[in-house]
C-alpha atoms as a PDB file:
ATOM      1  CA  MET A   1    -100.712  39.893 244.113  1.00  0.00           C
ATOM      2  CA  PRO A   2    -101.236  43.010 241.979  1.00  0.00           C
ATOM      3  CA  LYS A   3     -98.848  44.894 244.288  1.00  0.00           C
ATOM      4  CA  LYS A   4     -96.181  42.298 243.785  1.00  0.00           C
ATOM      5  CA  LYS A   5     -96.562  42.570 240.018  1.00  0.00           C
ATOM      6  CA  ILE A   6     -96.173  46.320 240.234  1.00  0.00           C
ATOM      7  CA  THR A   7     -93.095  45.878 242.428  1.00  0.00           C
ATOM      8  CA  TYR A   8     -91.512  43.388 240.021  1.00  0.00           C
ATOM      9  CA  SER A   9     -92.284  45.685 237.055  1.00  0.00           C
ATOM     10  CA  LEU A  10     -90.665  48.653 238.776  1.00  0.00           C
ATOM     11  CA  ILE A  11     -87.591  46.569 239.554  1.00  0.00           C
ATOM     12  CA  ILE A  12     -87.289  45.503 235.952  1.00  0.00           C
ATOM     13  CA  VAL A  13     -87.740  49.081 234.700  1.00  0.00           C
ATOM     14  CA  LEU A  14     -85.078  50.349 237.123  1.00  0.00           C
ATOM     15  CA  PHE A  15     -82.695  47.565 236.122  1.00  0.00           C
ATOM     16  CA  ILE A  16     -83.079  48.278 232.438  1.00  0.00           C
ATOM     17  CA  THR A  17     -82.670  52.001 233.052  1.00  0.00           C
ATOM     18  CA  ALA A  18     -79.460  51.319 235.046  1.00  0.00           C
ATOM     19  CA  LEU A  19     -78.109  49.215 232.208  1.00  0.00           C
ATOM     20  CA  ILE A  20     -78.864  51.968 229.669  1.00  0.00           C
ATOM     21  CA  LEU A  21     -77.206  54.592 231.850  1.00  0.00           C
ATOM     22  CA  ALA A  22     -74.165  52.406 232.344  1.00  0.00           C
ATOM     23  CA  GLY A  23     -73.984  51.857 228.601  1.00  0.00           C
ATOM     24  CA  ILE A  24     -74.156  55.612 227.927  1.00  0.00           C
ATOM     25  CA  ILE A  25     -71.392  56.360 230.407  1.00  0.00           C
ATOM     26  CA  PHE A  26     -69.137  53.553 229.119  1.00  0.00           C
ATOM     27  CA  TYR A  27     -69.767  54.572 225.525  1.00  0.00           C
ATOM     28  CA  SER A  28     -69.202  58.322 226.083  1.00  0.00           C
ATOM     29  CA  GLN A  29     -65.918  57.740 228.005  1.00  0.00           C
ATOM     30  CA  SER A  30     -64.525  55.128 225.614  1.00  0.00           C
ATOM     31  CA  ARG A  31     -61.056  55.974 224.294  1.00  0.00           C
ATOM     32  CA  LYS A  32     -61.206  53.377 221.534  1.00  0.00           C
ATOM     33  CA  LEU A  33     -61.108  54.633 217.970  1.00  0.00           C
ATOM     34  CA  LYS A  34     -63.287  53.023 215.282  1.00  0.00           C
ATOM     35  CA  VAL A  35     -62.970  53.664 211.557  1.00  0.00           C
ATOM     36  CA  VAL A  36     -65.619  52.122 209.346  1.00  0.00           C
ATOM     37  CA  PHE A  37     -65.777  52.316 205.561  1.00  0.00           C
ATOM     38  CA  LEU A  38     -69.498  51.932 205.169  1.00  0.00           C
ATOM     39  CA  ASP A  39     -70.955  49.799 202.387  1.00  0.00           C
ATOM     40  CA  VAL A  40     -73.243  52.391 200.797  1.00  0.00           C
ATOM     41  CA  GLY A  41     -73.102  51.051 197.229  1.00  0.00           C
ATOM     42  CA  GLN A  42     -71.404  53.058 194.547  1.00  0.00           C
ATOM     43  CA  GLY A  43     -70.303  55.941 196.717  1.00  0.00           C
ATOM     44  CA  ASP A  44     -68.181  56.910 199.733  1.00  0.00           C
ATOM     45  CA  SER A  45     -69.069  57.124 203.343  1.00  0.00           C
ATOM     46  CA  ILE A  46     -66.594  56.707 206.245  1.00  0.00           C
ATOM     47  CA  LEU A  47     -67.473  56.896 209.896  1.00  0.00           C
ATOM     48  CA  ILE A  48     -64.802  57.841 212.473  1.00  0.00           C
ATOM     49  CA  SER A  49     -65.942  57.499 216.063  1.00  0.00           C
ATOM     50  CA  ARG A  50     -64.422  57.704 219.442  1.00  0.00           C
ATOM     51  CA  GLY A  51     -66.711  57.582 222.428  1.00  0.00           C
ATOM     52  CA  SER A  52     -69.595  59.909 221.773  1.00  0.00           C
ATOM     53  CA  ASN A  53     -67.669  61.873 219.102  1.00  0.00           C
ATOM     54  CA  GLN A  54     -68.226  61.184 215.385  1.00  0.00           C
ATOM     55  CA  ILE A  55     -66.874  62.436 212.109  1.00  0.00           C
ATOM     56  CA  LEU A  56     -68.687  61.298 208.938  1.00  0.00           C
ATOM     57  CA  ILE A  57     -66.765  61.701 205.693  1.00  0.00           C
ATOM     58  CA  ASP A  58     -69.256  61.719 202.800  1.00  0.00           C
ATOM     59  CA  GLY A  59     -72.635  60.071 202.847  1.00  0.00           C
ATOM     60  CA  GLY A  60     -73.032  58.009 199.702  1.00  0.00           C
ATOM     61  CA  VAL A  61     -75.841  58.351 197.204  1.00  0.00           C
ATOM     62  CA  SER A  62     -78.717  57.046 199.427  1.00  0.00           C
ATOM     63  CA  GLY A  63     -79.981  58.842 202.533  1.00  0.00           C
ATOM     64  CA  GLN A  64     -81.840  55.723 203.695  1.00  0.00           C
ATOM     65  CA  LYS A  65     -78.706  53.585 203.299  1.00  0.00           C
ATOM     66  CA  VAL A  66     -76.380  55.801 205.267  1.00  0.00           C
ATOM     67  CA  LEU A  67     -78.948  56.276 208.034  1.00  0.00           C
ATOM     68  CA  GLU A  68     -79.320  52.520 208.358  1.00  0.00           C
ATOM     69  CA  LYS A  69     -75.530  52.224 208.652  1.00  0.00           C
ATOM     70  CA  LEU A  70     -75.350  54.932 211.290  1.00  0.00           C
ATOM     71  CA  GLY A  71     -78.073  53.103 213.202  1.00  0.00           C
ATOM     72  CA  GLU A  72     -75.753  50.092 213.332  1.00  0.00           C
ATOM     73  CA  TYR A  73     -72.700  51.938 214.643  1.00  0.00           C
ATOM     74  CA  VAL A  74     -74.068  54.945 216.620  1.00  0.00           C
ATOM     75  CA  PRO A  75     -76.169  54.108 219.719  1.00  0.00           C
ATOM     76  CA  PHE A  76     -79.833  55.215 219.577  1.00  0.00           C
ATOM     77  CA  TRP A  77     -79.383  57.729 222.396  1.00  0.00           C
ATOM     78  CA  ASP A  78     -76.570  59.585 220.572  1.00  0.00           C
ATOM     79  CA  ARG A  79     -78.285  61.970 218.128  1.00  0.00           C
ATOM     80  CA  ASP A  80     -75.275  64.233 217.621  1.00  0.00           C
ATOM     81  CA  ILE A  81     -72.664  64.069 214.914  1.00  0.00           C
ATOM     82  CA  GLU A  82     -69.921  66.510 215.542  1.00  0.00           C
ATOM     83  CA  ILE A  83     -68.613  66.939 211.998  1.00  0.00           C
ATOM     84  CA  LEU A  84     -69.761  66.064 208.486  1.00  0.00           C
ATOM     85  CA  LEU A  85     -66.993  66.316 205.926  1.00  0.00           C
ATOM     86  CA  ALA A  86     -68.015  66.498 202.262  1.00  0.00           C
ATOM     87  CA  THR A  87     -64.925  65.798 200.146  1.00  0.00           C
ATOM     88  CA  HIS A  88     -66.551  67.340 197.020  1.00  0.00           C
ATOM     89  CA  PRO A  89     -70.101  68.018 195.789  1.00  0.00           C
ATOM     90  CA  ASP A  90     -70.741  64.927 193.635  1.00  0.00           C
ATOM     91  CA  ALA A  91     -74.047  63.182 194.332  1.00  0.00           C
ATOM     92  CA  ASP A  92     -72.435  59.856 195.380  1.00  0.00           C
ATOM     93  CA  HIS A  93     -70.681  61.738 198.172  1.00  0.00           C
ATOM     94  CA  ILE A  94     -73.217  64.332 199.462  1.00  0.00           C
ATOM     95  CA  THR A  95     -76.717  62.947 198.860  1.00  0.00           C
ATOM     96  CA  GLY A  96     -76.692  60.930 202.092  1.00  0.00           C
ATOM     97  CA  LEU A  97     -75.337  63.858 204.049  1.00  0.00           C
ATOM     98  CA  VAL A  98     -78.596  65.708 203.478  1.00  0.00           C
ATOM     99  CA  ALA A  99     -80.531  62.936 205.255  1.00  0.00           C
ATOM    100  CA  VAL A 100     -77.987  62.884 208.077  1.00  0.00           C
ATOM    101  CA  MET A 101     -78.386  66.626 208.633  1.00  0.00           C
ATOM    102  CA  GLU A 102     -82.147  66.193 208.808  1.00  0.00           C
ATOM    103  CA  LYS A 103     -82.045  63.354 211.346  1.00  0.00           C
ATOM    104  CA  TYR A 104     -79.087  64.271 213.514  1.00  0.00           C
ATOM    105  CA  GLU A 105     -77.844  67.386 215.263  1.00  0.00           C
ATOM    106  CA  VAL A 106     -74.717  68.288 213.305  1.00  0.00           C
ATOM    107  CA  GLY A 107     -72.050  70.465 214.841  1.00  0.00           C
ATOM    108  CA  ALA A 108     -70.307  71.580 211.658  1.00  0.00           C
ATOM    109  CA  VAL A 109     -70.043  70.828 207.956  1.00  0.00           C
ATOM    110  CA  ILE A 110     -66.627  70.979 206.292  1.00  0.00           C
ATOM    111  CA  ASP A 111     -66.580  71.189 202.509  1.00  0.00           C
ATOM    112  CA  ASN A 112     -64.169  72.259 199.784  1.00  0.00           C
ATOM    113  CA  GLY A 113     -66.027  75.472 198.856  1.00  0.00           C
ATOM    114  CA  VAL A 114     -66.534  74.321 195.249  1.00  0.00           C
ATOM    115  CA  ALA A 115     -70.047  74.782 193.933  1.00  0.00           C
ATOM    116  CA  SER A 116     -71.968  72.416 191.731  1.00  0.00           C
ATOM    117  CA  GLN A 117     -74.981  73.118 189.509  1.00  0.00           C
ATOM    118  CA  SER A 118     -76.801  69.978 190.581  1.00  0.00           C
ATOM    119  CA  GLN A 119     -80.092  69.853 192.436  1.00  0.00           C
ATOM    120  CA  VAL A 120     -78.474  67.617 195.060  1.00  0.00           C
ATOM    121  CA  TYR A 121     -75.913  70.279 195.793  1.00  0.00           C
ATOM    122  CA  ALA A 122     -78.647  72.952 196.014  1.00  0.00           C
ATOM    123  CA  LYS A 123     -80.476  70.791 198.587  1.00  0.00           C
ATOM    124  CA  PHE A 124     -77.239  70.232 200.483  1.00  0.00           C
ATOM    125  CA  LYS A 125     -76.637  73.968 200.793  1.00  0.00           C
ATOM    126  CA  GLU A 126     -80.249  74.661 201.625  1.00  0.00           C
ATOM    127  CA  THR A 127     -80.238  72.110 204.428  1.00  0.00           C
ATOM    128  CA  ILE A 128     -77.093  73.628 205.943  1.00  0.00           C
ATOM    129  CA  GLU A 129     -78.756  77.035 205.924  1.00  0.00           C
ATOM    130  CA  ASN A 130     -82.135  75.864 207.228  1.00  0.00           C
ATOM    131  CA  ARG A 131     -80.563  73.822 210.069  1.00  0.00           C
ATOM    132  CA  LYS A 132     -78.242  76.744 210.892  1.00  0.00           C
ATOM    133  CA  ILE A 133     -75.163  74.483 210.756  1.00  0.00           C
ATOM    134  CA  ASN A 134     -71.734  76.014 210.966  1.00  0.00           C
ATOM    135  CA  GLU A 135     -69.999  75.636 207.549  1.00  0.00           C
ATOM    136  CA  ILE A 136     -66.236  75.566 207.274  1.00  0.00           C
ATOM    137  CA  GLU A 137     -64.195  75.603 204.144  1.00  0.00           C
ATOM    138  CA  GLY A 138     -61.663  72.778 204.311  1.00  0.00           C
ATOM    139  CA  ARG A 139     -58.120  73.803 203.396  1.00  0.00           C
ATOM    140  CA  SER A 140     -54.682  72.383 203.869  1.00  0.00           C
ATOM    141  CA  GLY A 141     -53.514  72.842 207.479  1.00  0.00           C
ATOM    142  CA  LEU A 142     -56.945  72.652 209.128  1.00  0.00           C
ATOM    143  CA  ARG A 143     -56.720  70.305 212.106  1.00  0.00           C
ATOM    144  CA  ILE A 144     -59.503  68.535 213.980  1.00  0.00           C
ATOM    145  CA  LYS A 145     -58.844  67.047 217.406  1.00  0.00           C
ATOM    146  CA  ILE A 146     -60.603  63.786 218.357  1.00  0.00           C
ATOM    147  CA  GLY A 147     -59.827  63.545 222.006  1.00  0.00           C
ATOM    148  CA  GLU A 148     -56.306  64.151 223.336  1.00  0.00           C
ATOM    149  CA  ASP A 149     -54.316  61.790 221.098  1.00  0.00           C
ATOM    150  CA  ALA A 150     -56.218  61.489 217.778  1.00  0.00           C
ATOM    151  CA  GLU A 151     -56.224  64.133 215.125  1.00  0.00           C
ATOM    152  CA  MET A 152     -57.412  64.648 211.579  1.00  0.00           C
ATOM    153  CA  GLU A 153     -55.544  67.086 209.326  1.00  0.00           C
ATOM    154  CA  ILE A 154     -56.642  68.328 205.926  1.00  0.00           C
ATOM    155  CA  VAL A 155     -53.744  68.073 203.504  1.00  0.00           C
ATOM    156  CA  ALA A 156     -55.490  69.171 200.354  1.00  0.00           C
ATOM    157  CA  PRO A 157     -56.709  71.300 198.645  1.00  0.00           C
ATOM    158  CA  ASP A 158     -54.414  74.206 199.444  1.00  0.00           C
ATOM    159  CA  GLY A 159     -56.462  76.996 197.903  1.00  0.00           C
ATOM    160  CA  THR A 160     -54.755  77.117 194.538  1.00  0.00           C
ATOM    161  CA  GLN A 161     -57.223  74.868 192.706  1.00  0.00           C
ATOM    162  CA  PRO A 162     -59.707  76.632 190.360  1.00  0.00           C
ATOM    163  CA  LYS A 163     -63.295  76.803 191.534  1.00  0.00           C
ATOM    164  CA  ASP A 164     -64.894  77.689 188.207  1.00  0.00           C
ATOM    165  CA  ASN A 165     -65.021  74.264 186.567  1.00  0.00           C
ATOM    166  CA  PRO A 166     -68.213  72.511 187.686  1.00  0.00           C
ATOM    167  CA  LYS A 167     -67.401  69.612 185.337  1.00  0.00           C
ATOM    168  CA  ASP A 168     -64.311  68.671 187.333  1.00  0.00           C
ATOM    169  CA  THR A 169     -65.411  68.706 190.924  1.00  0.00           C
ATOM    170  CA  ASN A 170     -63.101  65.800 191.714  1.00  0.00           C
ATOM    171  CA  ALA A 171     -59.961  67.879 191.329  1.00  0.00           C
ATOM    172  CA  SER A 172     -60.536  69.838 194.491  1.00  0.00           C
ATOM    173  CA  SER A 173     -61.534  66.850 196.656  1.00  0.00           C
ATOM    174  CA  ILE A 174     -60.608  67.266 200.275  1.00  0.00           C
ATOM    175  CA  VAL A 175     -57.770  64.849 201.151  1.00  0.00           C
ATOM    176  CA  SER A 176     -57.429  64.274 204.912  1.00  0.00           C
ATOM    177  CA  LYS A 177     -55.131  62.300 207.169  1.00  0.00           C
ATOM    178  CA  LEU A 178     -56.174  60.729 210.436  1.00  0.00           C
ATOM    179  CA  THR A 179     -53.495  59.935 213.012  1.00  0.00           C
ATOM    180  CA  TYR A 180     -54.018  57.907 216.152  1.00  0.00           C
ATOM    181  CA  GLY A 181     -50.790  56.827 217.755  1.00  0.00           C
ATOM    182  CA  GLU A 182     -48.863  54.873 215.151  1.00  0.00           C
ATOM    183  CA  ASN A 183     -51.999  54.293 213.041  1.00  0.00           C
ATOM    184  CA  LYS A 184     -52.540  56.600 210.058  1.00  0.00           C
ATOM    185  CA  PHE A 185     -55.311  56.746 207.533  1.00  0.00           C
ATOM    186  CA  LEU A 186     -55.352  58.769 204.300  1.00  0.00           C
ATOM    187  CA  PHE A 187     -58.765  59.620 202.830  1.00  0.00           C
ATOM    188  CA  THR A 188     -58.496  60.778 199.209  1.00  0.00           C
ATOM    189  CA  GLY A 189     -61.970  61.581 197.924  1.00  0.00           C
ATOM    190  CA  ASP A 190     -61.918  61.348 194.139  1.00  0.00           C
ATOM    191  CA  ILE A 191     -58.552  62.884 193.284  1.00  0.00           C
ATOM    192  CA  SER A 192     -56.795  61.805 190.107  1.00  0.00           C
ATOM    193  CA  TYR A 193     -53.155  61.367 188.937  1.00  0.00           C
ATOM    194  CA  ASP A 194     -52.602  65.111 188.561  1.00  0.00           C
ATOM    195  CA  ASN A 195     -53.732  65.775 192.184  1.00  0.00           C
ATOM    196  CA  GLU A 196     -51.682  62.866 193.427  1.00  0.00           C
ATOM    197  CA  LYS A 197     -48.599  64.374 191.734  1.00  0.00           C
ATOM    198  CA  VAL A 198     -49.237  67.674 193.481  1.00  0.00           C
ATOM    199  CA  LEU A 199     -49.212  65.899 196.844  1.00  0.00           C
ATOM    200  CA  VAL A 200     -46.147  63.829 195.982  1.00  0.00           C
ATOM    201  CA  ASP A 201     -44.241  66.933 194.944  1.00  0.00           C
ATOM    202  CA  SER A 202     -45.224  68.818 198.015  1.00  0.00           C
ATOM    203  CA  SER A 203     -43.607  68.704 201.463  1.00  0.00           C
ATOM    204  CA  ARG A 204     -46.757  67.376 203.059  1.00  0.00           C
ATOM    205  CA  ASP A 205     -46.507  64.100 204.977  1.00  0.00           C
ATOM    206  CA  ILE A 206     -48.943  61.762 203.250  1.00  0.00           C
ATOM    207  CA  ARG A 207     -47.519  58.479 204.541  1.00  0.00           C
ATOM    208  CA  ALA A 208     -50.291  56.264 205.875  1.00  0.00           C
ATOM    209  CA  ASP A 209     -50.909  52.662 206.965  1.00  0.00           C
ATOM    210  CA  TYR A 210     -54.406  52.612 205.469  1.00  0.00           C
ATOM    211  CA  LEU A 211     -55.267  54.243 202.139  1.00  0.00           C
ATOM    212  CA  LYS A 212     -58.811  54.981 200.999  1.00  0.00           C
ATOM    213  CA  VAL A 213     -58.368  54.298 197.255  1.00  0.00           C
ATOM    214  CA  SER A 214     -59.391  57.312 195.282  1.00  0.00           C
ATOM    215  CA  HIS A 215     -62.503  57.451 193.062  1.00  0.00           C
ATOM    216  CA  HIS A 216     -63.678  53.920 193.826  1.00  0.00           C
ATOM    217  CA  GLY A 217     -60.642  52.405 192.147  1.00  0.00           C
ATOM    218  CA  SER A 218     -60.766  54.435 188.963  1.00  0.00           C
ATOM    219  CA  LYS A 219     -57.967  53.761 186.499  1.00  0.00           C
ATOM    220  CA  TYR A 220     -57.093  57.492 186.524  1.00  0.00           C
ATOM    221  CA  ALA A 221     -55.849  57.391 190.085  1.00  0.00           C
ATOM    222  CA  THR A 222     -53.719  55.388 192.555  1.00  0.00           C
ATOM    223  CA  SER A 223     -50.488  55.771 190.573  1.00  0.00           C
ATOM    224  CA  GLN A 224     -47.243  54.001 191.424  1.00  0.00           C
ATOM    225  CA  MET A 225     -45.592  57.258 192.411  1.00  0.00           C
ATOM    226  CA  PHE A 226     -48.445  57.894 194.852  1.00  0.00           C
ATOM    227  CA  LEU A 227     -48.163  54.459 196.382  1.00  0.00           C
ATOM    228  CA  ASP A 228     -44.413  54.879 196.688  1.00  0.00           C
ATOM    229  CA  ARG A 229     -44.966  58.040 198.712  1.00  0.00           C
ATOM    230  CA  VAL A 230     -47.913  56.839 200.883  1.00  0.00           C
ATOM    231  CA  LYS A 231     -46.507  53.369 201.486  1.00  0.00           C
ATOM    232  CA  PRO A 232     -49.777  51.840 202.749  1.00  0.00           C
ATOM    233  CA  ARG A 233     -50.045  48.310 204.013  1.00  0.00           C
ATOM    234  CA  ALA A 234     -53.817  48.150 203.361  1.00  0.00           C
ATOM    235  CA  ALA A 235     -56.011  49.849 200.733  1.00  0.00           C
ATOM    236  CA  ILE A 236     -59.762  50.117 201.000  1.00  0.00           C
ATOM    237  CA  VAL A 237     -61.935  50.432 197.902  1.00  0.00           C
ATOM    238  CA  SER A 238     -65.429  51.842 198.488  1.00  0.00           C
ATOM    239  CA  VAL A 239     -67.391  50.634 195.478  1.00  0.00           C
ATOM    240  CA  GLY A 240     -70.804  49.272 194.498  1.00  0.00           C
ATOM    241  CA  ALA A 241     -71.205  45.681 193.314  1.00  0.00           C
ATOM    242  CA  ASP A 242     -71.502  45.252 189.538  1.00  0.00           C
ATOM    243  CA  ASN A 243     -71.433  49.035 188.979  1.00  0.00           C
ATOM    244  CA  ARG A 244     -71.739  50.487 185.489  1.00  0.00           C
ATOM    245  CA  TYR A 245     -68.360  52.241 185.647  1.00  0.00           C
ATOM    246  CA  GLY A 246     -66.293  49.071 185.842  1.00  0.00           C
ATOM    247  CA  HIS A 247     -64.778  50.135 189.171  1.00  0.00           C
ATOM    248  CA  PRO A 248     -62.393  49.159 190.508  1.00  0.00           C
ATOM    249  CA  SER A 249     -60.021  49.042 187.580  1.00  0.00           C
ATOM    250  CA  PRO A 250     -58.225  45.666 187.239  1.00  0.00           C
ATOM    251  CA  ASP A 251     -55.027  47.629 186.662  1.00  0.00           C
ATOM    252  CA  VAL A 252     -55.390  49.427 189.994  1.00  0.00           C
ATOM    253  CA  ILE A 253     -56.050  46.149 191.837  1.00  0.00           C
ATOM    254  CA  ALA A 254     -53.085  44.526 190.116  1.00  0.00           C
ATOM    255  CA  ARG A 255     -50.861  47.452 191.108  1.00  0.00           C
ATOM    256  CA  LEU A 256     -51.891  47.235 194.703  1.00  0.00           C
ATOM    257  CA  GLU A 257     -51.301  43.521 194.807  1.00  0.00           C
ATOM    258  CA  GLU A 258     -47.910  43.861 193.065  1.00  0.00           C
ATOM    259  CA  ASN A 259     -46.926  46.230 195.887  1.00  0.00           C
ATOM    260  CA  LYS A 260     -48.031  43.614 198.420  1.00  0.00           C
ATOM    261  CA  ILE A 261     -50.768  45.907 199.732  1.00  0.00           C
ATOM    262  CA  GLU A 262     -53.801  44.220 201.336  1.00  0.00           C
ATOM    263  CA  VAL A 263     -56.867  45.050 199.287  1.00  0.00           C
ATOM    264  CA  ARG A 264     -60.238  45.325 201.031  1.00  0.00           C
ATOM    265  CA  ARG A 265     -63.445  46.147 199.129  1.00  0.00           C
ATOM    266  CA  THR A 266     -66.921  47.114 200.298  1.00  0.00           C
ATOM    267  CA  ASP A 267     -68.511  45.321 197.318  1.00  0.00           C
ATOM    268  CA  GLN A 268     -67.016  42.051 198.553  1.00  0.00           C
ATOM    269  CA  GLU A 269     -66.849  42.415 202.330  1.00  0.00           C
ATOM    270  CA  GLY A 270     -69.597  44.871 203.135  1.00  0.00           C
ATOM    271  CA  ASP A 271     -68.494  47.339 205.813  1.00  0.00           C
ATOM    272  CA  VAL A 272     -64.729  47.451 206.345  1.00  0.00           C
ATOM    273  CA  GLU A 273     -64.024  48.126 210.010  1.00  0.00           C
ATOM    274  CA  TYR A 274     -60.925  48.958 211.991  1.00  0.00           C
ATOM    275  CA  ASN A 275     -60.785  49.209 215.783  1.00  0.00           C
ATOM    276  CA  PHE A 276     -57.839  50.503 217.907  1.00  0.00           C
END
């Protein structure tokens, strides 16, 4: 009888192991693209994943929160995140990235090269150095391949923005565009009207189906001229419920609705997920 129990136990262990291995193989070879605007409260965090490859744009203001979210969308056996992209050094964008660097093996960090005087930024830079992570300055024209037919391109900043104004870190936010077949996403960080105008006046292609609304729906962004150029069919607002800033601005929401753009909000829906 004991031998039978041992045999049954071994069979069960082998069966579970086979299932896990099959899951790992299926997951790593998957060609499906997933884009998730994570509900991290009053902050930004966007996970782009395809098979075993991940790009995380910003990390919100809570390390614990973003790690919980990654635990939901990244299998427990995958402890690598290929790229962290910090749009700019504000706390509600980079705080969670510190925790991610401490818990995952990170291939590279892309940031805008603009320094901040905050303790959070000092910890961010210290963690990159201590973990010996490759750091890349994100500038217009940088392209990141995600498999054979998905690509992210940085469209701003272009190197002309001043770096000596720590009080306006939003101005040099990295703006990036993700293209997968006919599906296009534009991620805008916290840029304002002035930065939007630079993009509109440029020759860069910023048309996108899905727009990450800048600065959590601030009234100082998402202008009509910008919407006319981007022409999104959906707009995602990453924002905390009942936040003290009054985000998103009622004017911005009204403008989006007047343009017949679908509005999706993390404070109302939780995580906003797209699968292709």
